[in-house]
Amino acid sequence: MSNAYIVFERISVQDANCIAGFTYGFPAITHFLGFGHALSRRLAVSQQLTLQGCAVICHQHQIHAYQPKEHRDYFFAQTKNPPREKGKDNKGREKATISPPIIEEGKMNMTVSLVMACPDLNTSRTAEINALAKTIMNLAHQHRLAGGSIQSIAAVHVLNLDQQTLSKKLRRLLLPGFVLIDRSDLLANHYQALKQQQADAELMDAWLDFSALKYQAKPKLKENELEATDKTEAEWIRMDKPAKGWLVPITNGYKAISPIYPSDEVANTRDSTTPVCFVEVVHSIGEWISLHRIQQVSDMLWHYRQEQDWYLCQQGEQTQPTANELEDAADDDFNDDFLNSLN
């Protein structure tokens, strides 16, 4: 097994999906792992290579949204596709131009870099590495990323270096840029602390402390006032998050909410052979940190992890679940079950 990595430098994506579960602003991490999985399947056939994991570095992003007035809510900019369409009546005559309905969706433009491990790469010849980089570049342009169209890729690098040298190389290539890091540990710790203060606290309460914008009124007491009243003026102060850092709400996988059905028992499935299971999106907490703070490249790679009813994207070493872990869980306690899945 080699220490090779494939680096997609500055992928420019147009009209990517920026809505993920309850959150918006950046695509779900499953989009990027799915992109790597699709490339890996094609490379396995043509090059006998596989890609594992995916690190996401963001350089630029622009959400298609606008604010009608100052201090008002933002709204997604919507389009009609196609803007105008012509039709014919039942006699074959041209009808007047029809304006199609608006399909509500959230889109964004972004420039990201992706890093994926390629453990099967065993060549060090420059000509073969250059040919492989060109092949991967052509394959990447044939796919969408997070539902958006890939406009350009600055370069594809095939690097087979030790971790320290690789980290320095990535800093030169990809700075300035921010890496998305899994901080589900902060969510778990805050939830345990919250339960000490409120016995009936739920995991959603802990998650909202990180994701919601909360303000607290600070009374402006006058000289003769000892206590605040309904008429006392107040200053609204934004409350800090439970931890420091550029913390953001993210979606990082799925949770099964039904048994696995044979494909022929569910209507409108994607194919007639794959079993079907209904799921809900799993929400967690992530953090954007500058690339220069990363010590080990392997630490910023996201991997799939399937355990019982959970299908999560997590960082760290990739582990294969045992047969016992794949059995259906009998415990339906969502909060404790989710925290156990993070360990």
C-alpha atoms as a PDB file:
ATOM      1  CA  MET A   1       0.000   0.000   0.000  1.00  0.00           C
ATOM      2  CA  SER A   2       1.498   3.328  -1.103  1.00  0.00           C
ATOM      3  CA  ASN A   3       1.243   6.779   0.424  1.00  0.00           C
ATOM      4  CA  ALA A   4      -0.076   8.349  -2.794  1.00  0.00           C
ATOM      5  CA  TYR A   5      -2.699  11.084  -2.939  1.00  0.00           C
ATOM      6  CA  ILE A   6      -4.671  12.632  -5.777  1.00  0.00           C
ATOM      7  CA  VAL A   7      -5.066  16.409  -5.449  1.00  0.00           C
ATOM      8  CA  PHE A   8      -7.747  18.233  -7.444  1.00  0.00           C
ATOM      9  CA  GLU A   9      -6.528  21.819  -7.337  1.00  0.00           C
ATOM     10  CA  ARG A  10      -9.168  24.559  -7.382  1.00  0.00           C
ATOM     11  CA  ILE A  11     -12.262  23.033  -8.935  1.00  0.00           C
ATOM     12  CA  SER A  12     -14.598  25.806 -10.101  1.00  0.00           C
ATOM     13  CA  VAL A  13     -18.226  24.650  -9.738  1.00  0.00           C
ATOM     14  CA  GLN A  14     -21.317  26.498 -10.924  1.00  0.00           C
ATOM     15  CA  ASP A  15     -24.839  26.029  -9.518  1.00  0.00           C
ATOM     16  CA  ALA A  16     -23.911  23.532  -6.802  1.00  0.00           C
ATOM     17  CA  ASN A  17     -26.589  22.546  -4.302  1.00  0.00           C
ATOM     18  CA  CYS A  18     -26.104  24.567  -1.100  1.00  0.00           C
ATOM     19  CA  ILE A  19     -29.009  23.129   0.919  1.00  0.00           C
ATOM     20  CA  ALA A  20     -28.250  20.186   3.199  1.00  0.00           C
ATOM     21  CA  GLY A  21     -30.932  19.051   5.620  1.00  0.00           C
ATOM     22  CA  PHE A  22     -31.821  21.920   7.970  1.00  0.00           C
ATOM     23  CA  THR A  23     -28.718  23.853   6.904  1.00  0.00           C
ATOM     24  CA  TYR A  24     -27.648  25.895   3.916  1.00  0.00           C
ATOM     25  CA  GLY A  25     -24.450  27.559   2.777  1.00  0.00           C
ATOM     26  CA  PHE A  26     -22.324  24.617   1.638  1.00  0.00           C
ATOM     27  CA  PRO A  27     -22.982  21.181   0.111  1.00  0.00           C
ATOM     28  CA  ALA A  28     -23.196  18.124   2.344  1.00  0.00           C
ATOM     29  CA  ILE A  29     -19.983  16.149   2.743  1.00  0.00           C
ATOM     30  CA  THR A  30     -21.708  13.163   1.118  1.00  0.00           C
ATOM     31  CA  HIS A  31     -21.613  15.055  -2.200  1.00  0.00           C
ATOM     32  CA  PHE A  32     -17.813  15.076  -2.209  1.00  0.00           C
ATOM     33  CA  LEU A  33     -17.459  11.472  -1.081  1.00  0.00           C
ATOM     34  CA  GLY A  34     -19.950  10.497  -3.779  1.00  0.00           C
ATOM     35  CA  PHE A  35     -17.850  12.337  -6.375  1.00  0.00           C
ATOM     36  CA  GLY A  36     -14.780  10.407  -5.262  1.00  0.00           C
ATOM     37  CA  HIS A  37     -16.705   7.122  -5.260  1.00  0.00           C
ATOM     38  CA  ALA A  38     -17.898   7.683  -8.829  1.00  0.00           C
ATOM     39  CA  LEU A  39     -14.337   8.395 -10.002  1.00  0.00           C
ATOM     40  CA  SER A  40     -13.014   5.386  -8.097  1.00  0.00           C
ATOM     41  CA  ARG A  41     -15.421   3.031  -9.856  1.00  0.00           C
ATOM     42  CA  ARG A  42     -14.252   4.200 -13.262  1.00  0.00           C
ATOM     43  CA  LEU A  43     -10.559   4.149 -12.316  1.00  0.00           C
ATOM     44  CA  ALA A  44     -10.921   0.613 -10.999  1.00  0.00           C
ATOM     45  CA  VAL A  45     -11.945  -0.512 -14.486  1.00  0.00           C
ATOM     46  CA  SER A  46      -9.488   1.492 -16.583  1.00  0.00           C
ATOM     47  CA  GLN A  47      -6.461   1.853 -14.273  1.00  0.00           C
ATOM     48  CA  GLN A  48      -6.991  -0.796 -11.550  1.00  0.00           C
ATOM     49  CA  LEU A  49      -6.848   2.005  -8.971  1.00  0.00           C
ATOM     50  CA  THR A  50      -9.215   2.994  -6.170  1.00  0.00           C
ATOM     51  CA  LEU A  51      -9.711   6.294  -4.337  1.00  0.00           C
ATOM     52  CA  GLN A  52     -10.347   6.375  -0.601  1.00  0.00           C
ATOM     53  CA  GLY A  53     -11.618   9.236   1.519  1.00  0.00           C
ATOM     54  CA  CYS A  54     -11.859  12.894   0.593  1.00  0.00           C
ATOM     55  CA  ALA A  55     -10.628  16.132   2.133  1.00  0.00           C
ATOM     56  CA  VAL A  56     -12.479  19.344   1.271  1.00  0.00           C
ATOM     57  CA  ILE A  57     -10.669  22.696   1.070  1.00  0.00           C
ATOM     58  CA  CYS A  58     -12.780  25.740   0.222  1.00  0.00           C
ATOM     59  CA  HIS A  59     -11.214  28.758  -1.482  1.00  0.00           C
ATOM     60  CA  GLN A  60     -14.266  30.778  -2.551  1.00  0.00           C
ATOM     61  CA  HIS A  61     -18.045  30.508  -2.334  1.00  0.00           C
ATOM     62  CA  GLN A  62     -20.996  32.623  -3.424  1.00  0.00           C
ATOM     63  CA  ILE A  63     -24.575  31.699  -2.539  1.00  0.00           C
ATOM     64  CA  HIS A  64     -27.258  32.691  -5.033  1.00  0.00           C
ATOM     65  CA  ALA A  65     -29.266  34.763  -2.552  1.00  0.00           C
ATOM     66  CA  TYR A  66     -30.324  38.360  -2.046  1.00  0.00           C
ATOM     67  CA  GLN A  67     -31.576  40.585   0.768  1.00  0.00           C
ATOM     68  CA  PRO A  68     -34.566  42.763  -0.263  1.00  0.00           C
ATOM     69  CA  LYS A  69     -33.992  45.275   2.540  1.00  0.00           C
ATOM     70  CA  GLU A  70     -31.427  45.858   5.219  1.00  0.00           C
ATOM     71  CA  HIS A  71     -31.934  43.745   8.374  1.00  0.00           C
ATOM     72  CA  ARG A  72     -34.384  41.512   6.516  1.00  0.00           C
ATOM     73  CA  ASP A  73     -34.163  37.812   5.714  1.00  0.00           C
ATOM     74  CA  TYR A  74     -32.175  36.565   2.748  1.00  0.00           C
ATOM     75  CA  PHE A  75     -33.959  34.787  -0.101  1.00  0.00           C
ATOM     76  CA  PHE A  76     -32.593  32.351  -2.635  1.00  0.00           C
ATOM     77  CA  ALA A  77     -32.445  33.704  -6.168  1.00  0.00           C
ATOM     78  CA  GLN A  78     -34.739  31.541  -8.293  1.00  0.00           C
ATOM     79  CA  THR A  79     -34.734  30.941 -12.036  1.00  0.00           C
ATOM     80  CA  LYS A  80     -37.102  29.565 -14.635  1.00  0.00           C
ATOM     81  CA  ASN A  81     -35.502  26.864 -16.731  1.00  0.00           C
ATOM     82  CA  PRO A  82     -35.827  27.295 -19.639  1.00  0.00           C
ATOM     83  CA  PRO A  83     -36.789  30.994 -19.353  1.00  0.00           C
ATOM     84  CA  ARG A  84     -39.321  30.635 -22.170  1.00  0.00           C
ATOM     85  CA  GLU A  85     -40.667  27.641 -23.979  1.00  0.00           C
ATOM     86  CA  LYS A  86     -42.874  27.265 -27.038  1.00  0.00           C
ATOM     87  CA  GLY A  87     -45.538  24.604 -27.560  1.00  0.00           C
ATOM     88  CA  LYS A  88     -48.052  23.379 -30.076  1.00  0.00           C
ATOM     89  CA  ASP A  89     -51.763  22.778 -29.755  1.00  0.00           C
ATOM     90  CA  ASN A  90     -53.504  19.531 -30.688  1.00  0.00           C
ATOM     91  CA  LYS A  91     -53.669  20.671 -34.312  1.00  0.00           C
ATOM     92  CA  GLY A  92     -49.942  21.265 -34.597  1.00  0.00           C
ATOM     93  CA  ARG A  93     -50.172  25.065 -34.579  1.00  0.00           C
ATOM     94  CA  GLU A  94     -47.663  27.167 -32.664  1.00  0.00           C
ATOM     95  CA  LYS A  95     -48.946  28.376 -29.313  1.00  0.00           C
ATOM     96  CA  ALA A  96     -47.991  31.515 -27.468  1.00  0.00           C
ATOM     97  CA  THR A  97     -44.807  31.477 -25.431  1.00  0.00           C
ATOM     98  CA  ILE A  98     -45.287  29.768 -22.064  1.00  0.00           C
ATOM     99  CA  SER A  99     -43.513  30.815 -18.897  1.00  0.00           C
ATOM    100  CA  PRO A 100     -42.498  27.681 -16.943  1.00  0.00           C
ATOM    101  CA  PRO A 101     -43.010  27.454 -13.161  1.00  0.00           C
ATOM    102  CA  ILE A 102     -40.265  28.301 -10.686  1.00  0.00           C
ATOM    103  CA  ILE A 103     -38.635  25.298  -9.010  1.00  0.00           C
ATOM    104  CA  GLU A 104     -37.488  26.444  -5.584  1.00  0.00           C
ATOM    105  CA  GLU A 105     -33.898  25.426  -4.899  1.00  0.00           C
ATOM    106  CA  GLY A 106     -30.734  26.817  -3.342  1.00  0.00           C
ATOM    107  CA  LYS A 107     -27.660  27.127  -5.553  1.00  0.00           C
ATOM    108  CA  MET A 108     -24.140  28.454  -5.146  1.00  0.00           C
ATOM    109  CA  ASN A 109     -20.875  28.905  -7.007  1.00  0.00           C
ATOM    110  CA  MET A 110     -17.752  27.661  -5.297  1.00  0.00           C
ATOM    111  CA  THR A 111     -14.077  26.955  -5.788  1.00  0.00           C
ATOM    112  CA  VAL A 112     -12.849  23.944  -3.828  1.00  0.00           C
ATOM    113  CA  SER A 113      -9.873  21.619  -3.789  1.00  0.00           C
ATOM    114  CA  LEU A 114     -10.182  17.908  -3.022  1.00  0.00           C
ATOM    115  CA  VAL A 115      -7.558  15.483  -1.718  1.00  0.00           C
ATOM    116  CA  MET A 116      -8.115  11.713  -2.010  1.00  0.00           C
ATOM    117  CA  ALA A 117      -5.927   8.779  -1.028  1.00  0.00           C
ATOM    118  CA  CYS A 118      -4.853   6.331  -3.750  1.00  0.00           C
ATOM    119  CA  PRO A 119      -3.289   3.359  -1.910  1.00  0.00           C
ATOM    120  CA  ASP A 120      -3.003   1.144  -5.020  1.00  0.00           C
ATOM    121  CA  LEU A 121      -0.638   3.434  -6.909  1.00  0.00           C
ATOM    122  CA  ASN A 122       2.799   1.796  -7.151  1.00  0.00           C
ATOM    123  CA  THR A 123       4.500   3.664  -9.975  1.00  0.00           C
ATOM    124  CA  SER A 124       6.991   6.514  -9.667  1.00  0.00           C
ATOM    125  CA  ARG A 125       7.725   7.060 -13.355  1.00  0.00           C
ATOM    126  CA  THR A 126       7.018  10.635 -14.375  1.00  0.00           C
ATOM    127  CA  ALA A 127       5.476   9.723 -17.734  1.00  0.00           C
ATOM    128  CA  GLU A 128       3.010   7.279 -16.153  1.00  0.00           C
ATOM    129  CA  ILE A 129       2.093   9.730 -13.396  1.00  0.00           C
ATOM    130  CA  ASN A 130       1.472  12.522 -15.928  1.00  0.00           C
ATOM    131  CA  ALA A 131      -0.680  10.208 -18.041  1.00  0.00           C
ATOM    132  CA  LEU A 132      -2.680   9.184 -14.965  1.00  0.00           C
ATOM    133  CA  ALA A 133      -3.222  12.829 -13.958  1.00  0.00           C
ATOM    134  CA  LYS A 134      -4.503  13.603 -17.464  1.00  0.00           C
ATOM    135  CA  THR A 135      -6.876  10.610 -17.353  1.00  0.00           C
ATOM    136  CA  ILE A 136      -8.260  11.645 -13.973  1.00  0.00           C
ATOM    137  CA  MET A 137      -8.689  15.214 -15.207  1.00  0.00           C
ATOM    138  CA  ASN A 138     -10.751  13.998 -18.183  1.00  0.00           C
ATOM    139  CA  LEU A 139     -12.892  11.745 -15.991  1.00  0.00           C
ATOM    140  CA  ALA A 140     -13.528  14.505 -13.441  1.00  0.00           C
ATOM    141  CA  HIS A 141     -14.850  16.857 -16.131  1.00  0.00           C
ATOM    142  CA  GLN A 142     -17.423  14.219 -17.089  1.00  0.00           C
ATOM    143  CA  HIS A 143     -19.043  14.294 -13.641  1.00  0.00           C
ATOM    144  CA  ARG A 144     -21.019  16.811 -11.650  1.00  0.00           C
ATOM    145  CA  LEU A 145     -19.940  17.911  -8.191  1.00  0.00           C
ATOM    146  CA  ALA A 146     -22.676  18.537  -5.609  1.00  0.00           C
ATOM    147  CA  GLY A 147     -25.176  18.801  -8.457  1.00  0.00           C
ATOM    148  CA  GLY A 148     -23.218  21.639 -10.078  1.00  0.00           C
ATOM    149  CA  SER A 149     -21.317  21.843 -13.327  1.00  0.00           C
ATOM    150  CA  ILE A 150     -17.520  21.724 -13.186  1.00  0.00           C
ATOM    151  CA  GLN A 151     -16.295  24.752 -15.130  1.00  0.00           C
ATOM    152  CA  SER A 152     -12.564  24.248 -14.709  1.00  0.00           C
ATOM    153  CA  ILE A 153      -9.898  22.427 -12.717  1.00  0.00           C
ATOM    154  CA  ALA A 154      -6.592  24.233 -12.270  1.00  0.00           C
ATOM    155  CA  ALA A 155      -4.594  20.984 -12.134  1.00  0.00           C
ATOM    156  CA  VAL A 156      -4.636  17.375 -10.978  1.00  0.00           C
ATOM    157  CA  HIS A 157      -1.568  16.335  -8.986  1.00  0.00           C
ATOM    158  CA  VAL A 158      -0.508  12.766  -8.229  1.00  0.00           C
ATOM    159  CA  LEU A 159       1.720  12.937  -5.151  1.00  0.00           C
ATOM    160  CA  ASN A 160       3.538  10.020  -3.532  1.00  0.00           C
ATOM    161  CA  LEU A 161       5.372  11.635  -0.629  1.00  0.00           C
ATOM    162  CA  ASP A 162       5.785  11.156   3.101  1.00  0.00           C
ATOM    163  CA  GLN A 163       3.296  12.951   5.339  1.00  0.00           C
ATOM    164  CA  GLN A 164       5.572  15.845   6.324  1.00  0.00           C
ATOM    165  CA  THR A 165       6.702  16.597   2.766  1.00  0.00           C
ATOM    166  CA  LEU A 166       3.138  16.148   1.499  1.00  0.00           C
ATOM    167  CA  SER A 167       1.783  18.663   4.033  1.00  0.00           C
ATOM    168  CA  LYS A 168       4.299  21.285   2.883  1.00  0.00           C
ATOM    169  CA  LYS A 169       3.478  20.589  -0.762  1.00  0.00           C
ATOM    170  CA  LEU A 170      -0.266  20.996  -0.141  1.00  0.00           C
ATOM    171  CA  ARG A 171       0.267  24.311   1.645  1.00  0.00           C
ATOM    172  CA  ARG A 172       2.139  25.678  -1.356  1.00  0.00           C
ATOM    173  CA  LEU A 173      -0.539  24.449  -3.764  1.00  0.00           C
ATOM    174  CA  LEU A 174      -3.766  25.168  -1.893  1.00  0.00           C
ATOM    175  CA  LEU A 175      -3.249  28.145   0.423  1.00  0.00           C
ATOM    176  CA  PRO A 176      -5.214  30.288   1.021  1.00  0.00           C
ATOM    177  CA  GLY A 177      -7.917  27.762   1.795  1.00  0.00           C
ATOM    178  CA  PHE A 178      -9.945  26.383   4.686  1.00  0.00           C
ATOM    179  CA  VAL A 179     -10.413  22.693   5.508  1.00  0.00           C
ATOM    180  CA  LEU A 180     -13.706  21.294   6.802  1.00  0.00           C
ATOM    181  CA  ILE A 181     -13.059  19.357  10.021  1.00  0.00           C
ATOM    182  CA  ASP A 182     -15.438  17.077  11.935  1.00  0.00           C
ATOM    183  CA  ARG A 183     -16.206  18.514  15.391  1.00  0.00           C
ATOM    184  CA  SER A 184     -18.876  16.102  16.538  1.00  0.00           C
ATOM    185  CA  ASP A 185     -16.814  15.768  19.722  1.00  0.00           C
ATOM    186  CA  LEU A 186     -17.781  19.334  20.679  1.00  0.00           C
ATOM    187  CA  LEU A 187     -21.443  18.495  20.124  1.00  0.00           C
ATOM    188  CA  ALA A 188     -21.192  15.386  22.316  1.00  0.00           C
ATOM    189  CA  ASN A 189     -19.373  17.240  25.102  1.00  0.00           C
ATOM    190  CA  HIS A 190     -21.809  20.163  25.061  1.00  0.00           C
ATOM    191  CA  TYR A 191     -24.784  17.808  25.147  1.00  0.00           C
ATOM    192  CA  GLN A 192     -23.433  16.079  28.254  1.00  0.00           C
ATOM    193  CA  ALA A 193     -22.818  19.455  29.927  1.00  0.00           C
ATOM    194  CA  LEU A 194     -26.286  20.644  28.958  1.00  0.00           C
ATOM    195  CA  LYS A 195     -27.890  17.581  30.538  1.00  0.00           C
ATOM    196  CA  GLN A 196     -26.176  18.450  33.800  1.00  0.00           C
ATOM    197  CA  GLN A 197     -27.985  21.803  33.775  1.00  0.00           C
ATOM    198  CA  GLN A 198     -31.285  20.625  32.274  1.00  0.00           C
ATOM    199  CA  ALA A 199     -32.300  17.031  32.794  1.00  0.00           C
ATOM    200  CA  ASP A 200     -34.840  17.185  29.957  1.00  0.00           C
ATOM    201  CA  ALA A 201     -32.370  18.667  27.427  1.00  0.00           C
ATOM    202  CA  GLU A 202     -32.282  16.967  24.030  1.00  0.00           C
ATOM    203  CA  LEU A 203     -29.537  16.581  21.491  1.00  0.00           C
ATOM    204  CA  MET A 204     -31.341  19.057  19.229  1.00  0.00           C
ATOM    205  CA  ASP A 205     -30.985  21.731  21.936  1.00  0.00           C
ATOM    206  CA  ALA A 206     -27.226  21.217  21.988  1.00  0.00           C
ATOM    207  CA  TRP A 207     -27.035  21.336  18.194  1.00  0.00           C
ATOM    208  CA  LEU A 208     -29.066  24.574  18.059  1.00  0.00           C
ATOM    209  CA  ASP A 209     -26.648  26.219  20.505  1.00  0.00           C
ATOM    210  CA  PHE A 210     -24.022  25.852  17.777  1.00  0.00           C
ATOM    211  CA  SER A 211     -26.165  26.587  14.722  1.00  0.00           C
ATOM    212  CA  ALA A 212     -28.782  29.159  15.789  1.00  0.00           C
ATOM    213  CA  LEU A 213     -28.155  32.903  16.155  1.00  0.00           C
ATOM    214  CA  LYS A 214     -29.122  33.749  19.720  1.00  0.00           C
ATOM    215  CA  TYR A 215     -29.357  37.165  21.337  1.00  0.00           C
ATOM    216  CA  GLN A 216     -29.769  38.127  24.981  1.00  0.00           C
ATOM    217  CA  ALA A 217     -31.200  41.377  26.316  1.00  0.00           C
ATOM    218  CA  LYS A 218     -28.950  43.356  28.673  1.00  0.00           C
ATOM    219  CA  PRO A 219     -31.040  45.949  30.604  1.00  0.00           C
ATOM    220  CA  LYS A 220     -29.857  49.546  30.632  1.00  0.00           C
ATOM    221  CA  LEU A 221     -30.666  50.560  34.196  1.00  0.00           C
ATOM    222  CA  LYS A 222     -30.962  54.250  34.957  1.00  0.00           C
ATOM    223  CA  GLU A 223     -29.459  55.881  38.021  1.00  0.00           C
ATOM    224  CA  ASN A 224     -32.563  55.452  40.185  1.00  0.00           C
ATOM    225  CA  GLU A 225     -33.491  51.969  38.888  1.00  0.00           C
ATOM    226  CA  LEU A 226     -32.559  48.936  40.939  1.00  0.00           C
ATOM    227  CA  GLU A 227     -34.371  46.320  38.856  1.00  0.00           C
ATOM    228  CA  ALA A 228     -35.420  46.129  35.244  1.00  0.00           C
ATOM    229  CA  THR A 229     -39.076  46.658  34.346  1.00  0.00           C
ATOM    230  CA  ASP A 230     -41.117  46.320  31.165  1.00  0.00           C
ATOM    231  CA  LYS A 231     -40.238  49.906  30.276  1.00  0.00           C
ATOM    232  CA  THR A 232     -36.492  49.555  30.835  1.00  0.00           C
ATOM    233  CA  GLU A 233     -34.439  49.937  27.680  1.00  0.00           C
ATOM    234  CA  ALA A 234     -32.232  47.003  26.734  1.00  0.00           C
ATOM    235  CA  GLU A 235     -29.217  46.303  24.572  1.00  0.00           C
ATOM    236  CA  TRP A 236     -29.389  43.096  22.558  1.00  0.00           C
ATOM    237  CA  ILE A 237     -26.094  41.216  22.699  1.00  0.00           C
ATOM    238  CA  ARG A 238     -25.289  38.237  20.519  1.00  0.00           C
ATOM    239  CA  MET A 239     -24.550  35.128  22.570  1.00  0.00           C
ATOM    240  CA  ASP A 240     -21.339  33.214  21.951  1.00  0.00           C
ATOM    241  CA  LYS A 241     -21.326  29.629  20.768  1.00  0.00           C
ATOM    242  CA  PRO A 242     -20.437  26.905  23.280  1.00  0.00           C
ATOM    243  CA  ALA A 243     -16.902  26.688  21.847  1.00  0.00           C
ATOM    244  CA  LYS A 244     -14.521  28.940  19.948  1.00  0.00           C
ATOM    245  CA  GLY A 245     -13.714  28.573  16.257  1.00  0.00           C
ATOM    246  CA  TRP A 246     -15.385  28.888  12.867  1.00  0.00           C
ATOM    247  CA  LEU A 247     -18.038  26.326  13.813  1.00  0.00           C
ATOM    248  CA  VAL A 248     -20.842  25.536  11.384  1.00  0.00           C
ATOM    249  CA  PRO A 249     -23.776  23.108  11.298  1.00  0.00           C
ATOM    250  CA  ILE A 250     -23.304  20.318   8.763  1.00  0.00           C
ATOM    251  CA  THR A 251     -24.951  17.119   7.604  1.00  0.00           C
ATOM    252  CA  ASN A 252     -22.670  14.099   7.760  1.00  0.00           C
ATOM    253  CA  GLY A 253     -24.711  11.044   6.836  1.00  0.00           C
ATOM    254  CA  TYR A 254     -27.988   9.202   7.188  1.00  0.00           C
ATOM    255  CA  LYS A 255     -29.953   7.212   9.757  1.00  0.00           C
ATOM    256  CA  ALA A 256     -32.186   4.315   8.713  1.00  0.00           C
ATOM    257  CA  ILE A 257     -35.824   4.770   9.738  1.00  0.00           C
ATOM    258  CA  SER A 258     -37.213   1.625   8.141  1.00  0.00           C
ATOM    259  CA  PRO A 259     -36.293  -1.997   7.514  1.00  0.00           C
ATOM    260  CA  ILE A 260     -34.567  -2.958   4.273  1.00  0.00           C
ATOM    261  CA  TYR A 261     -37.150  -3.798   1.628  1.00  0.00           C
ATOM    262  CA  PRO A 262     -36.669  -5.798  -1.567  1.00  0.00           C
ATOM    263  CA  SER A 263     -36.605  -3.455  -4.546  1.00  0.00           C
ATOM    264  CA  ASP A 264     -39.810  -4.879  -6.015  1.00  0.00           C
ATOM    265  CA  GLU A 265     -41.803  -3.940  -2.899  1.00  0.00           C
ATOM    266  CA  VAL A 266     -41.205  -0.175  -3.255  1.00  0.00           C
ATOM    267  CA  ALA A 267     -42.469   1.840  -6.197  1.00  0.00           C
ATOM    268  CA  ASN A 268     -40.256   4.162  -8.288  1.00  0.00           C
ATOM    269  CA  THR A 269     -36.920   2.743  -7.132  1.00  0.00           C
ATOM    270  CA  ARG A 270     -33.717   3.488  -9.035  1.00  0.00           C
ATOM    271  CA  ASP A 271     -33.285  -0.105 -10.262  1.00  0.00           C
ATOM    272  CA  SER A 272     -34.958  -3.483  -9.890  1.00  0.00           C
ATOM    273  CA  THR A 273     -32.190  -5.288  -8.006  1.00  0.00           C
ATOM    274  CA  THR A 274     -30.926  -3.035  -5.188  1.00  0.00           C
ATOM    275  CA  PRO A 275     -32.749  -3.298  -1.814  1.00  0.00           C
ATOM    276  CA  VAL A 276     -34.325  -0.096  -0.489  1.00  0.00           C
ATOM    277  CA  CYS A 277     -34.199   1.555   2.937  1.00  0.00           C
ATOM    278  CA  PHE A 278     -35.763   4.863   3.982  1.00  0.00           C
ATOM    279  CA  VAL A 279     -33.459   7.243   5.830  1.00  0.00           C
ATOM    280  CA  GLU A 280     -33.276  10.658   7.479  1.00  0.00           C
ATOM    281  CA  VAL A 281     -30.370  13.103   7.310  1.00  0.00           C
ATOM    282  CA  VAL A 282     -27.934  13.212  10.247  1.00  0.00           C
ATOM    283  CA  HIS A 283     -26.794  16.644  11.437  1.00  0.00           C
ATOM    284  CA  SER A 284     -23.586  17.432  13.271  1.00  0.00           C
ATOM    285  CA  ILE A 285     -21.011  20.202  13.768  1.00  0.00           C
ATOM    286  CA  GLY A 286     -17.992  21.034  11.625  1.00  0.00           C
ATOM    287  CA  GLU A 287     -15.224  23.604  11.767  1.00  0.00           C
ATOM    288  CA  TRP A 288     -13.383  25.483   9.042  1.00  0.00           C
ATOM    289  CA  ILE A 289      -9.694  25.804   9.838  1.00  0.00           C
ATOM    290  CA  SER A 290      -6.828  27.146   7.758  1.00  0.00           C
ATOM    291  CA  LEU A 291      -4.864  24.546   5.838  1.00  0.00           C
ATOM    292  CA  HIS A 292      -1.594  25.539   7.499  1.00  0.00           C
ATOM    293  CA  ARG A 293      -2.900  24.148  10.825  1.00  0.00           C
ATOM    294  CA  ILE A 294      -3.141  20.596   9.457  1.00  0.00           C
ATOM    295  CA  GLN A 295      -0.258  18.389  10.611  1.00  0.00           C
ATOM    296  CA  GLN A 296      -1.247  15.061   9.010  1.00  0.00           C
ATOM    297  CA  VAL A 297      -2.994  14.915   5.642  1.00  0.00           C
ATOM    298  CA  SER A 298      -4.718  11.676   6.643  1.00  0.00           C
ATOM    299  CA  ASP A 299      -6.435  13.502   9.523  1.00  0.00           C
ATOM    300  CA  MET A 300      -8.490  15.705   7.192  1.00  0.00           C
ATOM    301  CA  LEU A 301      -9.818  12.886   4.988  1.00  0.00           C
ATOM    302  CA  TRP A 302     -13.506  12.043   5.385  1.00  0.00           C
ATOM    303  CA  HIS A 303     -14.485   8.349   5.169  1.00  0.00           C
ATOM    304  CA  TYR A 304     -17.743   6.435   5.116  1.00  0.00           C
ATOM    305  CA  ARG A 305     -18.575   4.497   8.254  1.00  0.00           C
ATOM    306  CA  GLN A 306     -21.542   2.136   8.419  1.00  0.00           C
ATOM    307  CA  GLU A 307     -22.581   0.863  11.827  1.00  0.00           C
ATOM    308  CA  GLN A 308     -25.962  -0.633  12.622  1.00  0.00           C
ATOM    309  CA  ASP A 309     -28.584   1.844  11.335  1.00  0.00           C
ATOM    310  CA  TRP A 310     -26.071   4.666  10.925  1.00  0.00           C
ATOM    311  CA  TYR A 311     -24.292   5.645   7.718  1.00  0.00           C
ATOM    312  CA  LEU A 312     -21.909   8.447   8.674  1.00  0.00           C
ATOM    313  CA  CYS A 313     -19.083  10.435   7.144  1.00  0.00           C
ATOM    314  CA  GLN A 314     -16.295  10.820   9.671  1.00  0.00           C
ATOM    315  CA  GLN A 315     -12.628  11.724   9.761  1.00  0.00           C
ATOM    316  CA  GLY A 316      -9.739   9.615  10.990  1.00  0.00           C
ATOM    317  CA  GLU A 317      -8.581   6.148  10.077  1.00  0.00           C
ATOM    318  CA  GLN A 318     -11.015   4.159   7.987  1.00  0.00           C
ATOM    319  CA  THR A 319     -12.336   1.091   9.802  1.00  0.00           C
ATOM    320  CA  GLN A 320     -14.286  -1.867   8.495  1.00  0.00           C
ATOM    321  CA  PRO A 321     -17.320  -2.802  10.611  1.00  0.00           C
ATOM    322  CA  THR A 322     -17.614  -6.312  11.975  1.00  0.00           C
ATOM    323  CA  ALA A 323     -20.529  -8.608  11.281  1.00  0.00           C
ATOM    324  CA  ASN A 324     -22.041  -7.862  14.688  1.00  0.00           C
ATOM    325  CA  GLU A 325     -21.923  -4.120  14.010  1.00  0.00           C
ATOM    326  CA  LEU A 326     -23.948  -4.554  10.854  1.00  0.00           C
ATOM    327  CA  GLU A 327     -26.891  -6.161  12.633  1.00  0.00           C
ATOM    328  CA  ASP A 328     -29.995  -4.067  13.220  1.00  0.00           C
ATOM    329  CA  ALA A 329     -29.982  -2.113  16.471  1.00  0.00           C
ATOM    330  CA  ALA A 330     -32.787  -2.784  18.928  1.00  0.00           C
ATOM    331  CA  ASP A 331     -32.224   0.426  20.896  1.00  0.00           C
ATOM    332  CA  ASP A 332     -34.392   3.290  19.637  1.00  0.00           C
ATOM    333  CA  ASP A 333     -32.982   5.969  21.959  1.00  0.00           C
ATOM    334  CA  PHE A 334     -31.885   8.492  19.310  1.00  0.00           C
ATOM    335  CA  ASN A 335     -29.695  10.689  21.514  1.00  0.00           C
ATOM    336  CA  ASP A 336     -27.632   7.969  23.149  1.00  0.00           C
ATOM    337  CA  ASP A 337     -27.502   5.935  19.938  1.00  0.00           C
ATOM    338  CA  PHE A 338     -26.120   8.905  17.999  1.00  0.00           C
ATOM    339  CA  LEU A 339     -23.443   9.641  20.593  1.00  0.00           C
ATOM    340  CA  ASN A 340     -22.380   6.000  20.682  1.00  0.00           C
ATOM    341  CA  SER A 341     -21.998   6.034  16.903  1.00  0.00           C
ATOM    342  CA  LEU A 342     -19.456   8.866  17.196  1.00  0.00           C
ATOM    343  CA  ASN A 343     -17.089   6.832  19.368  1.00  0.00           C
END
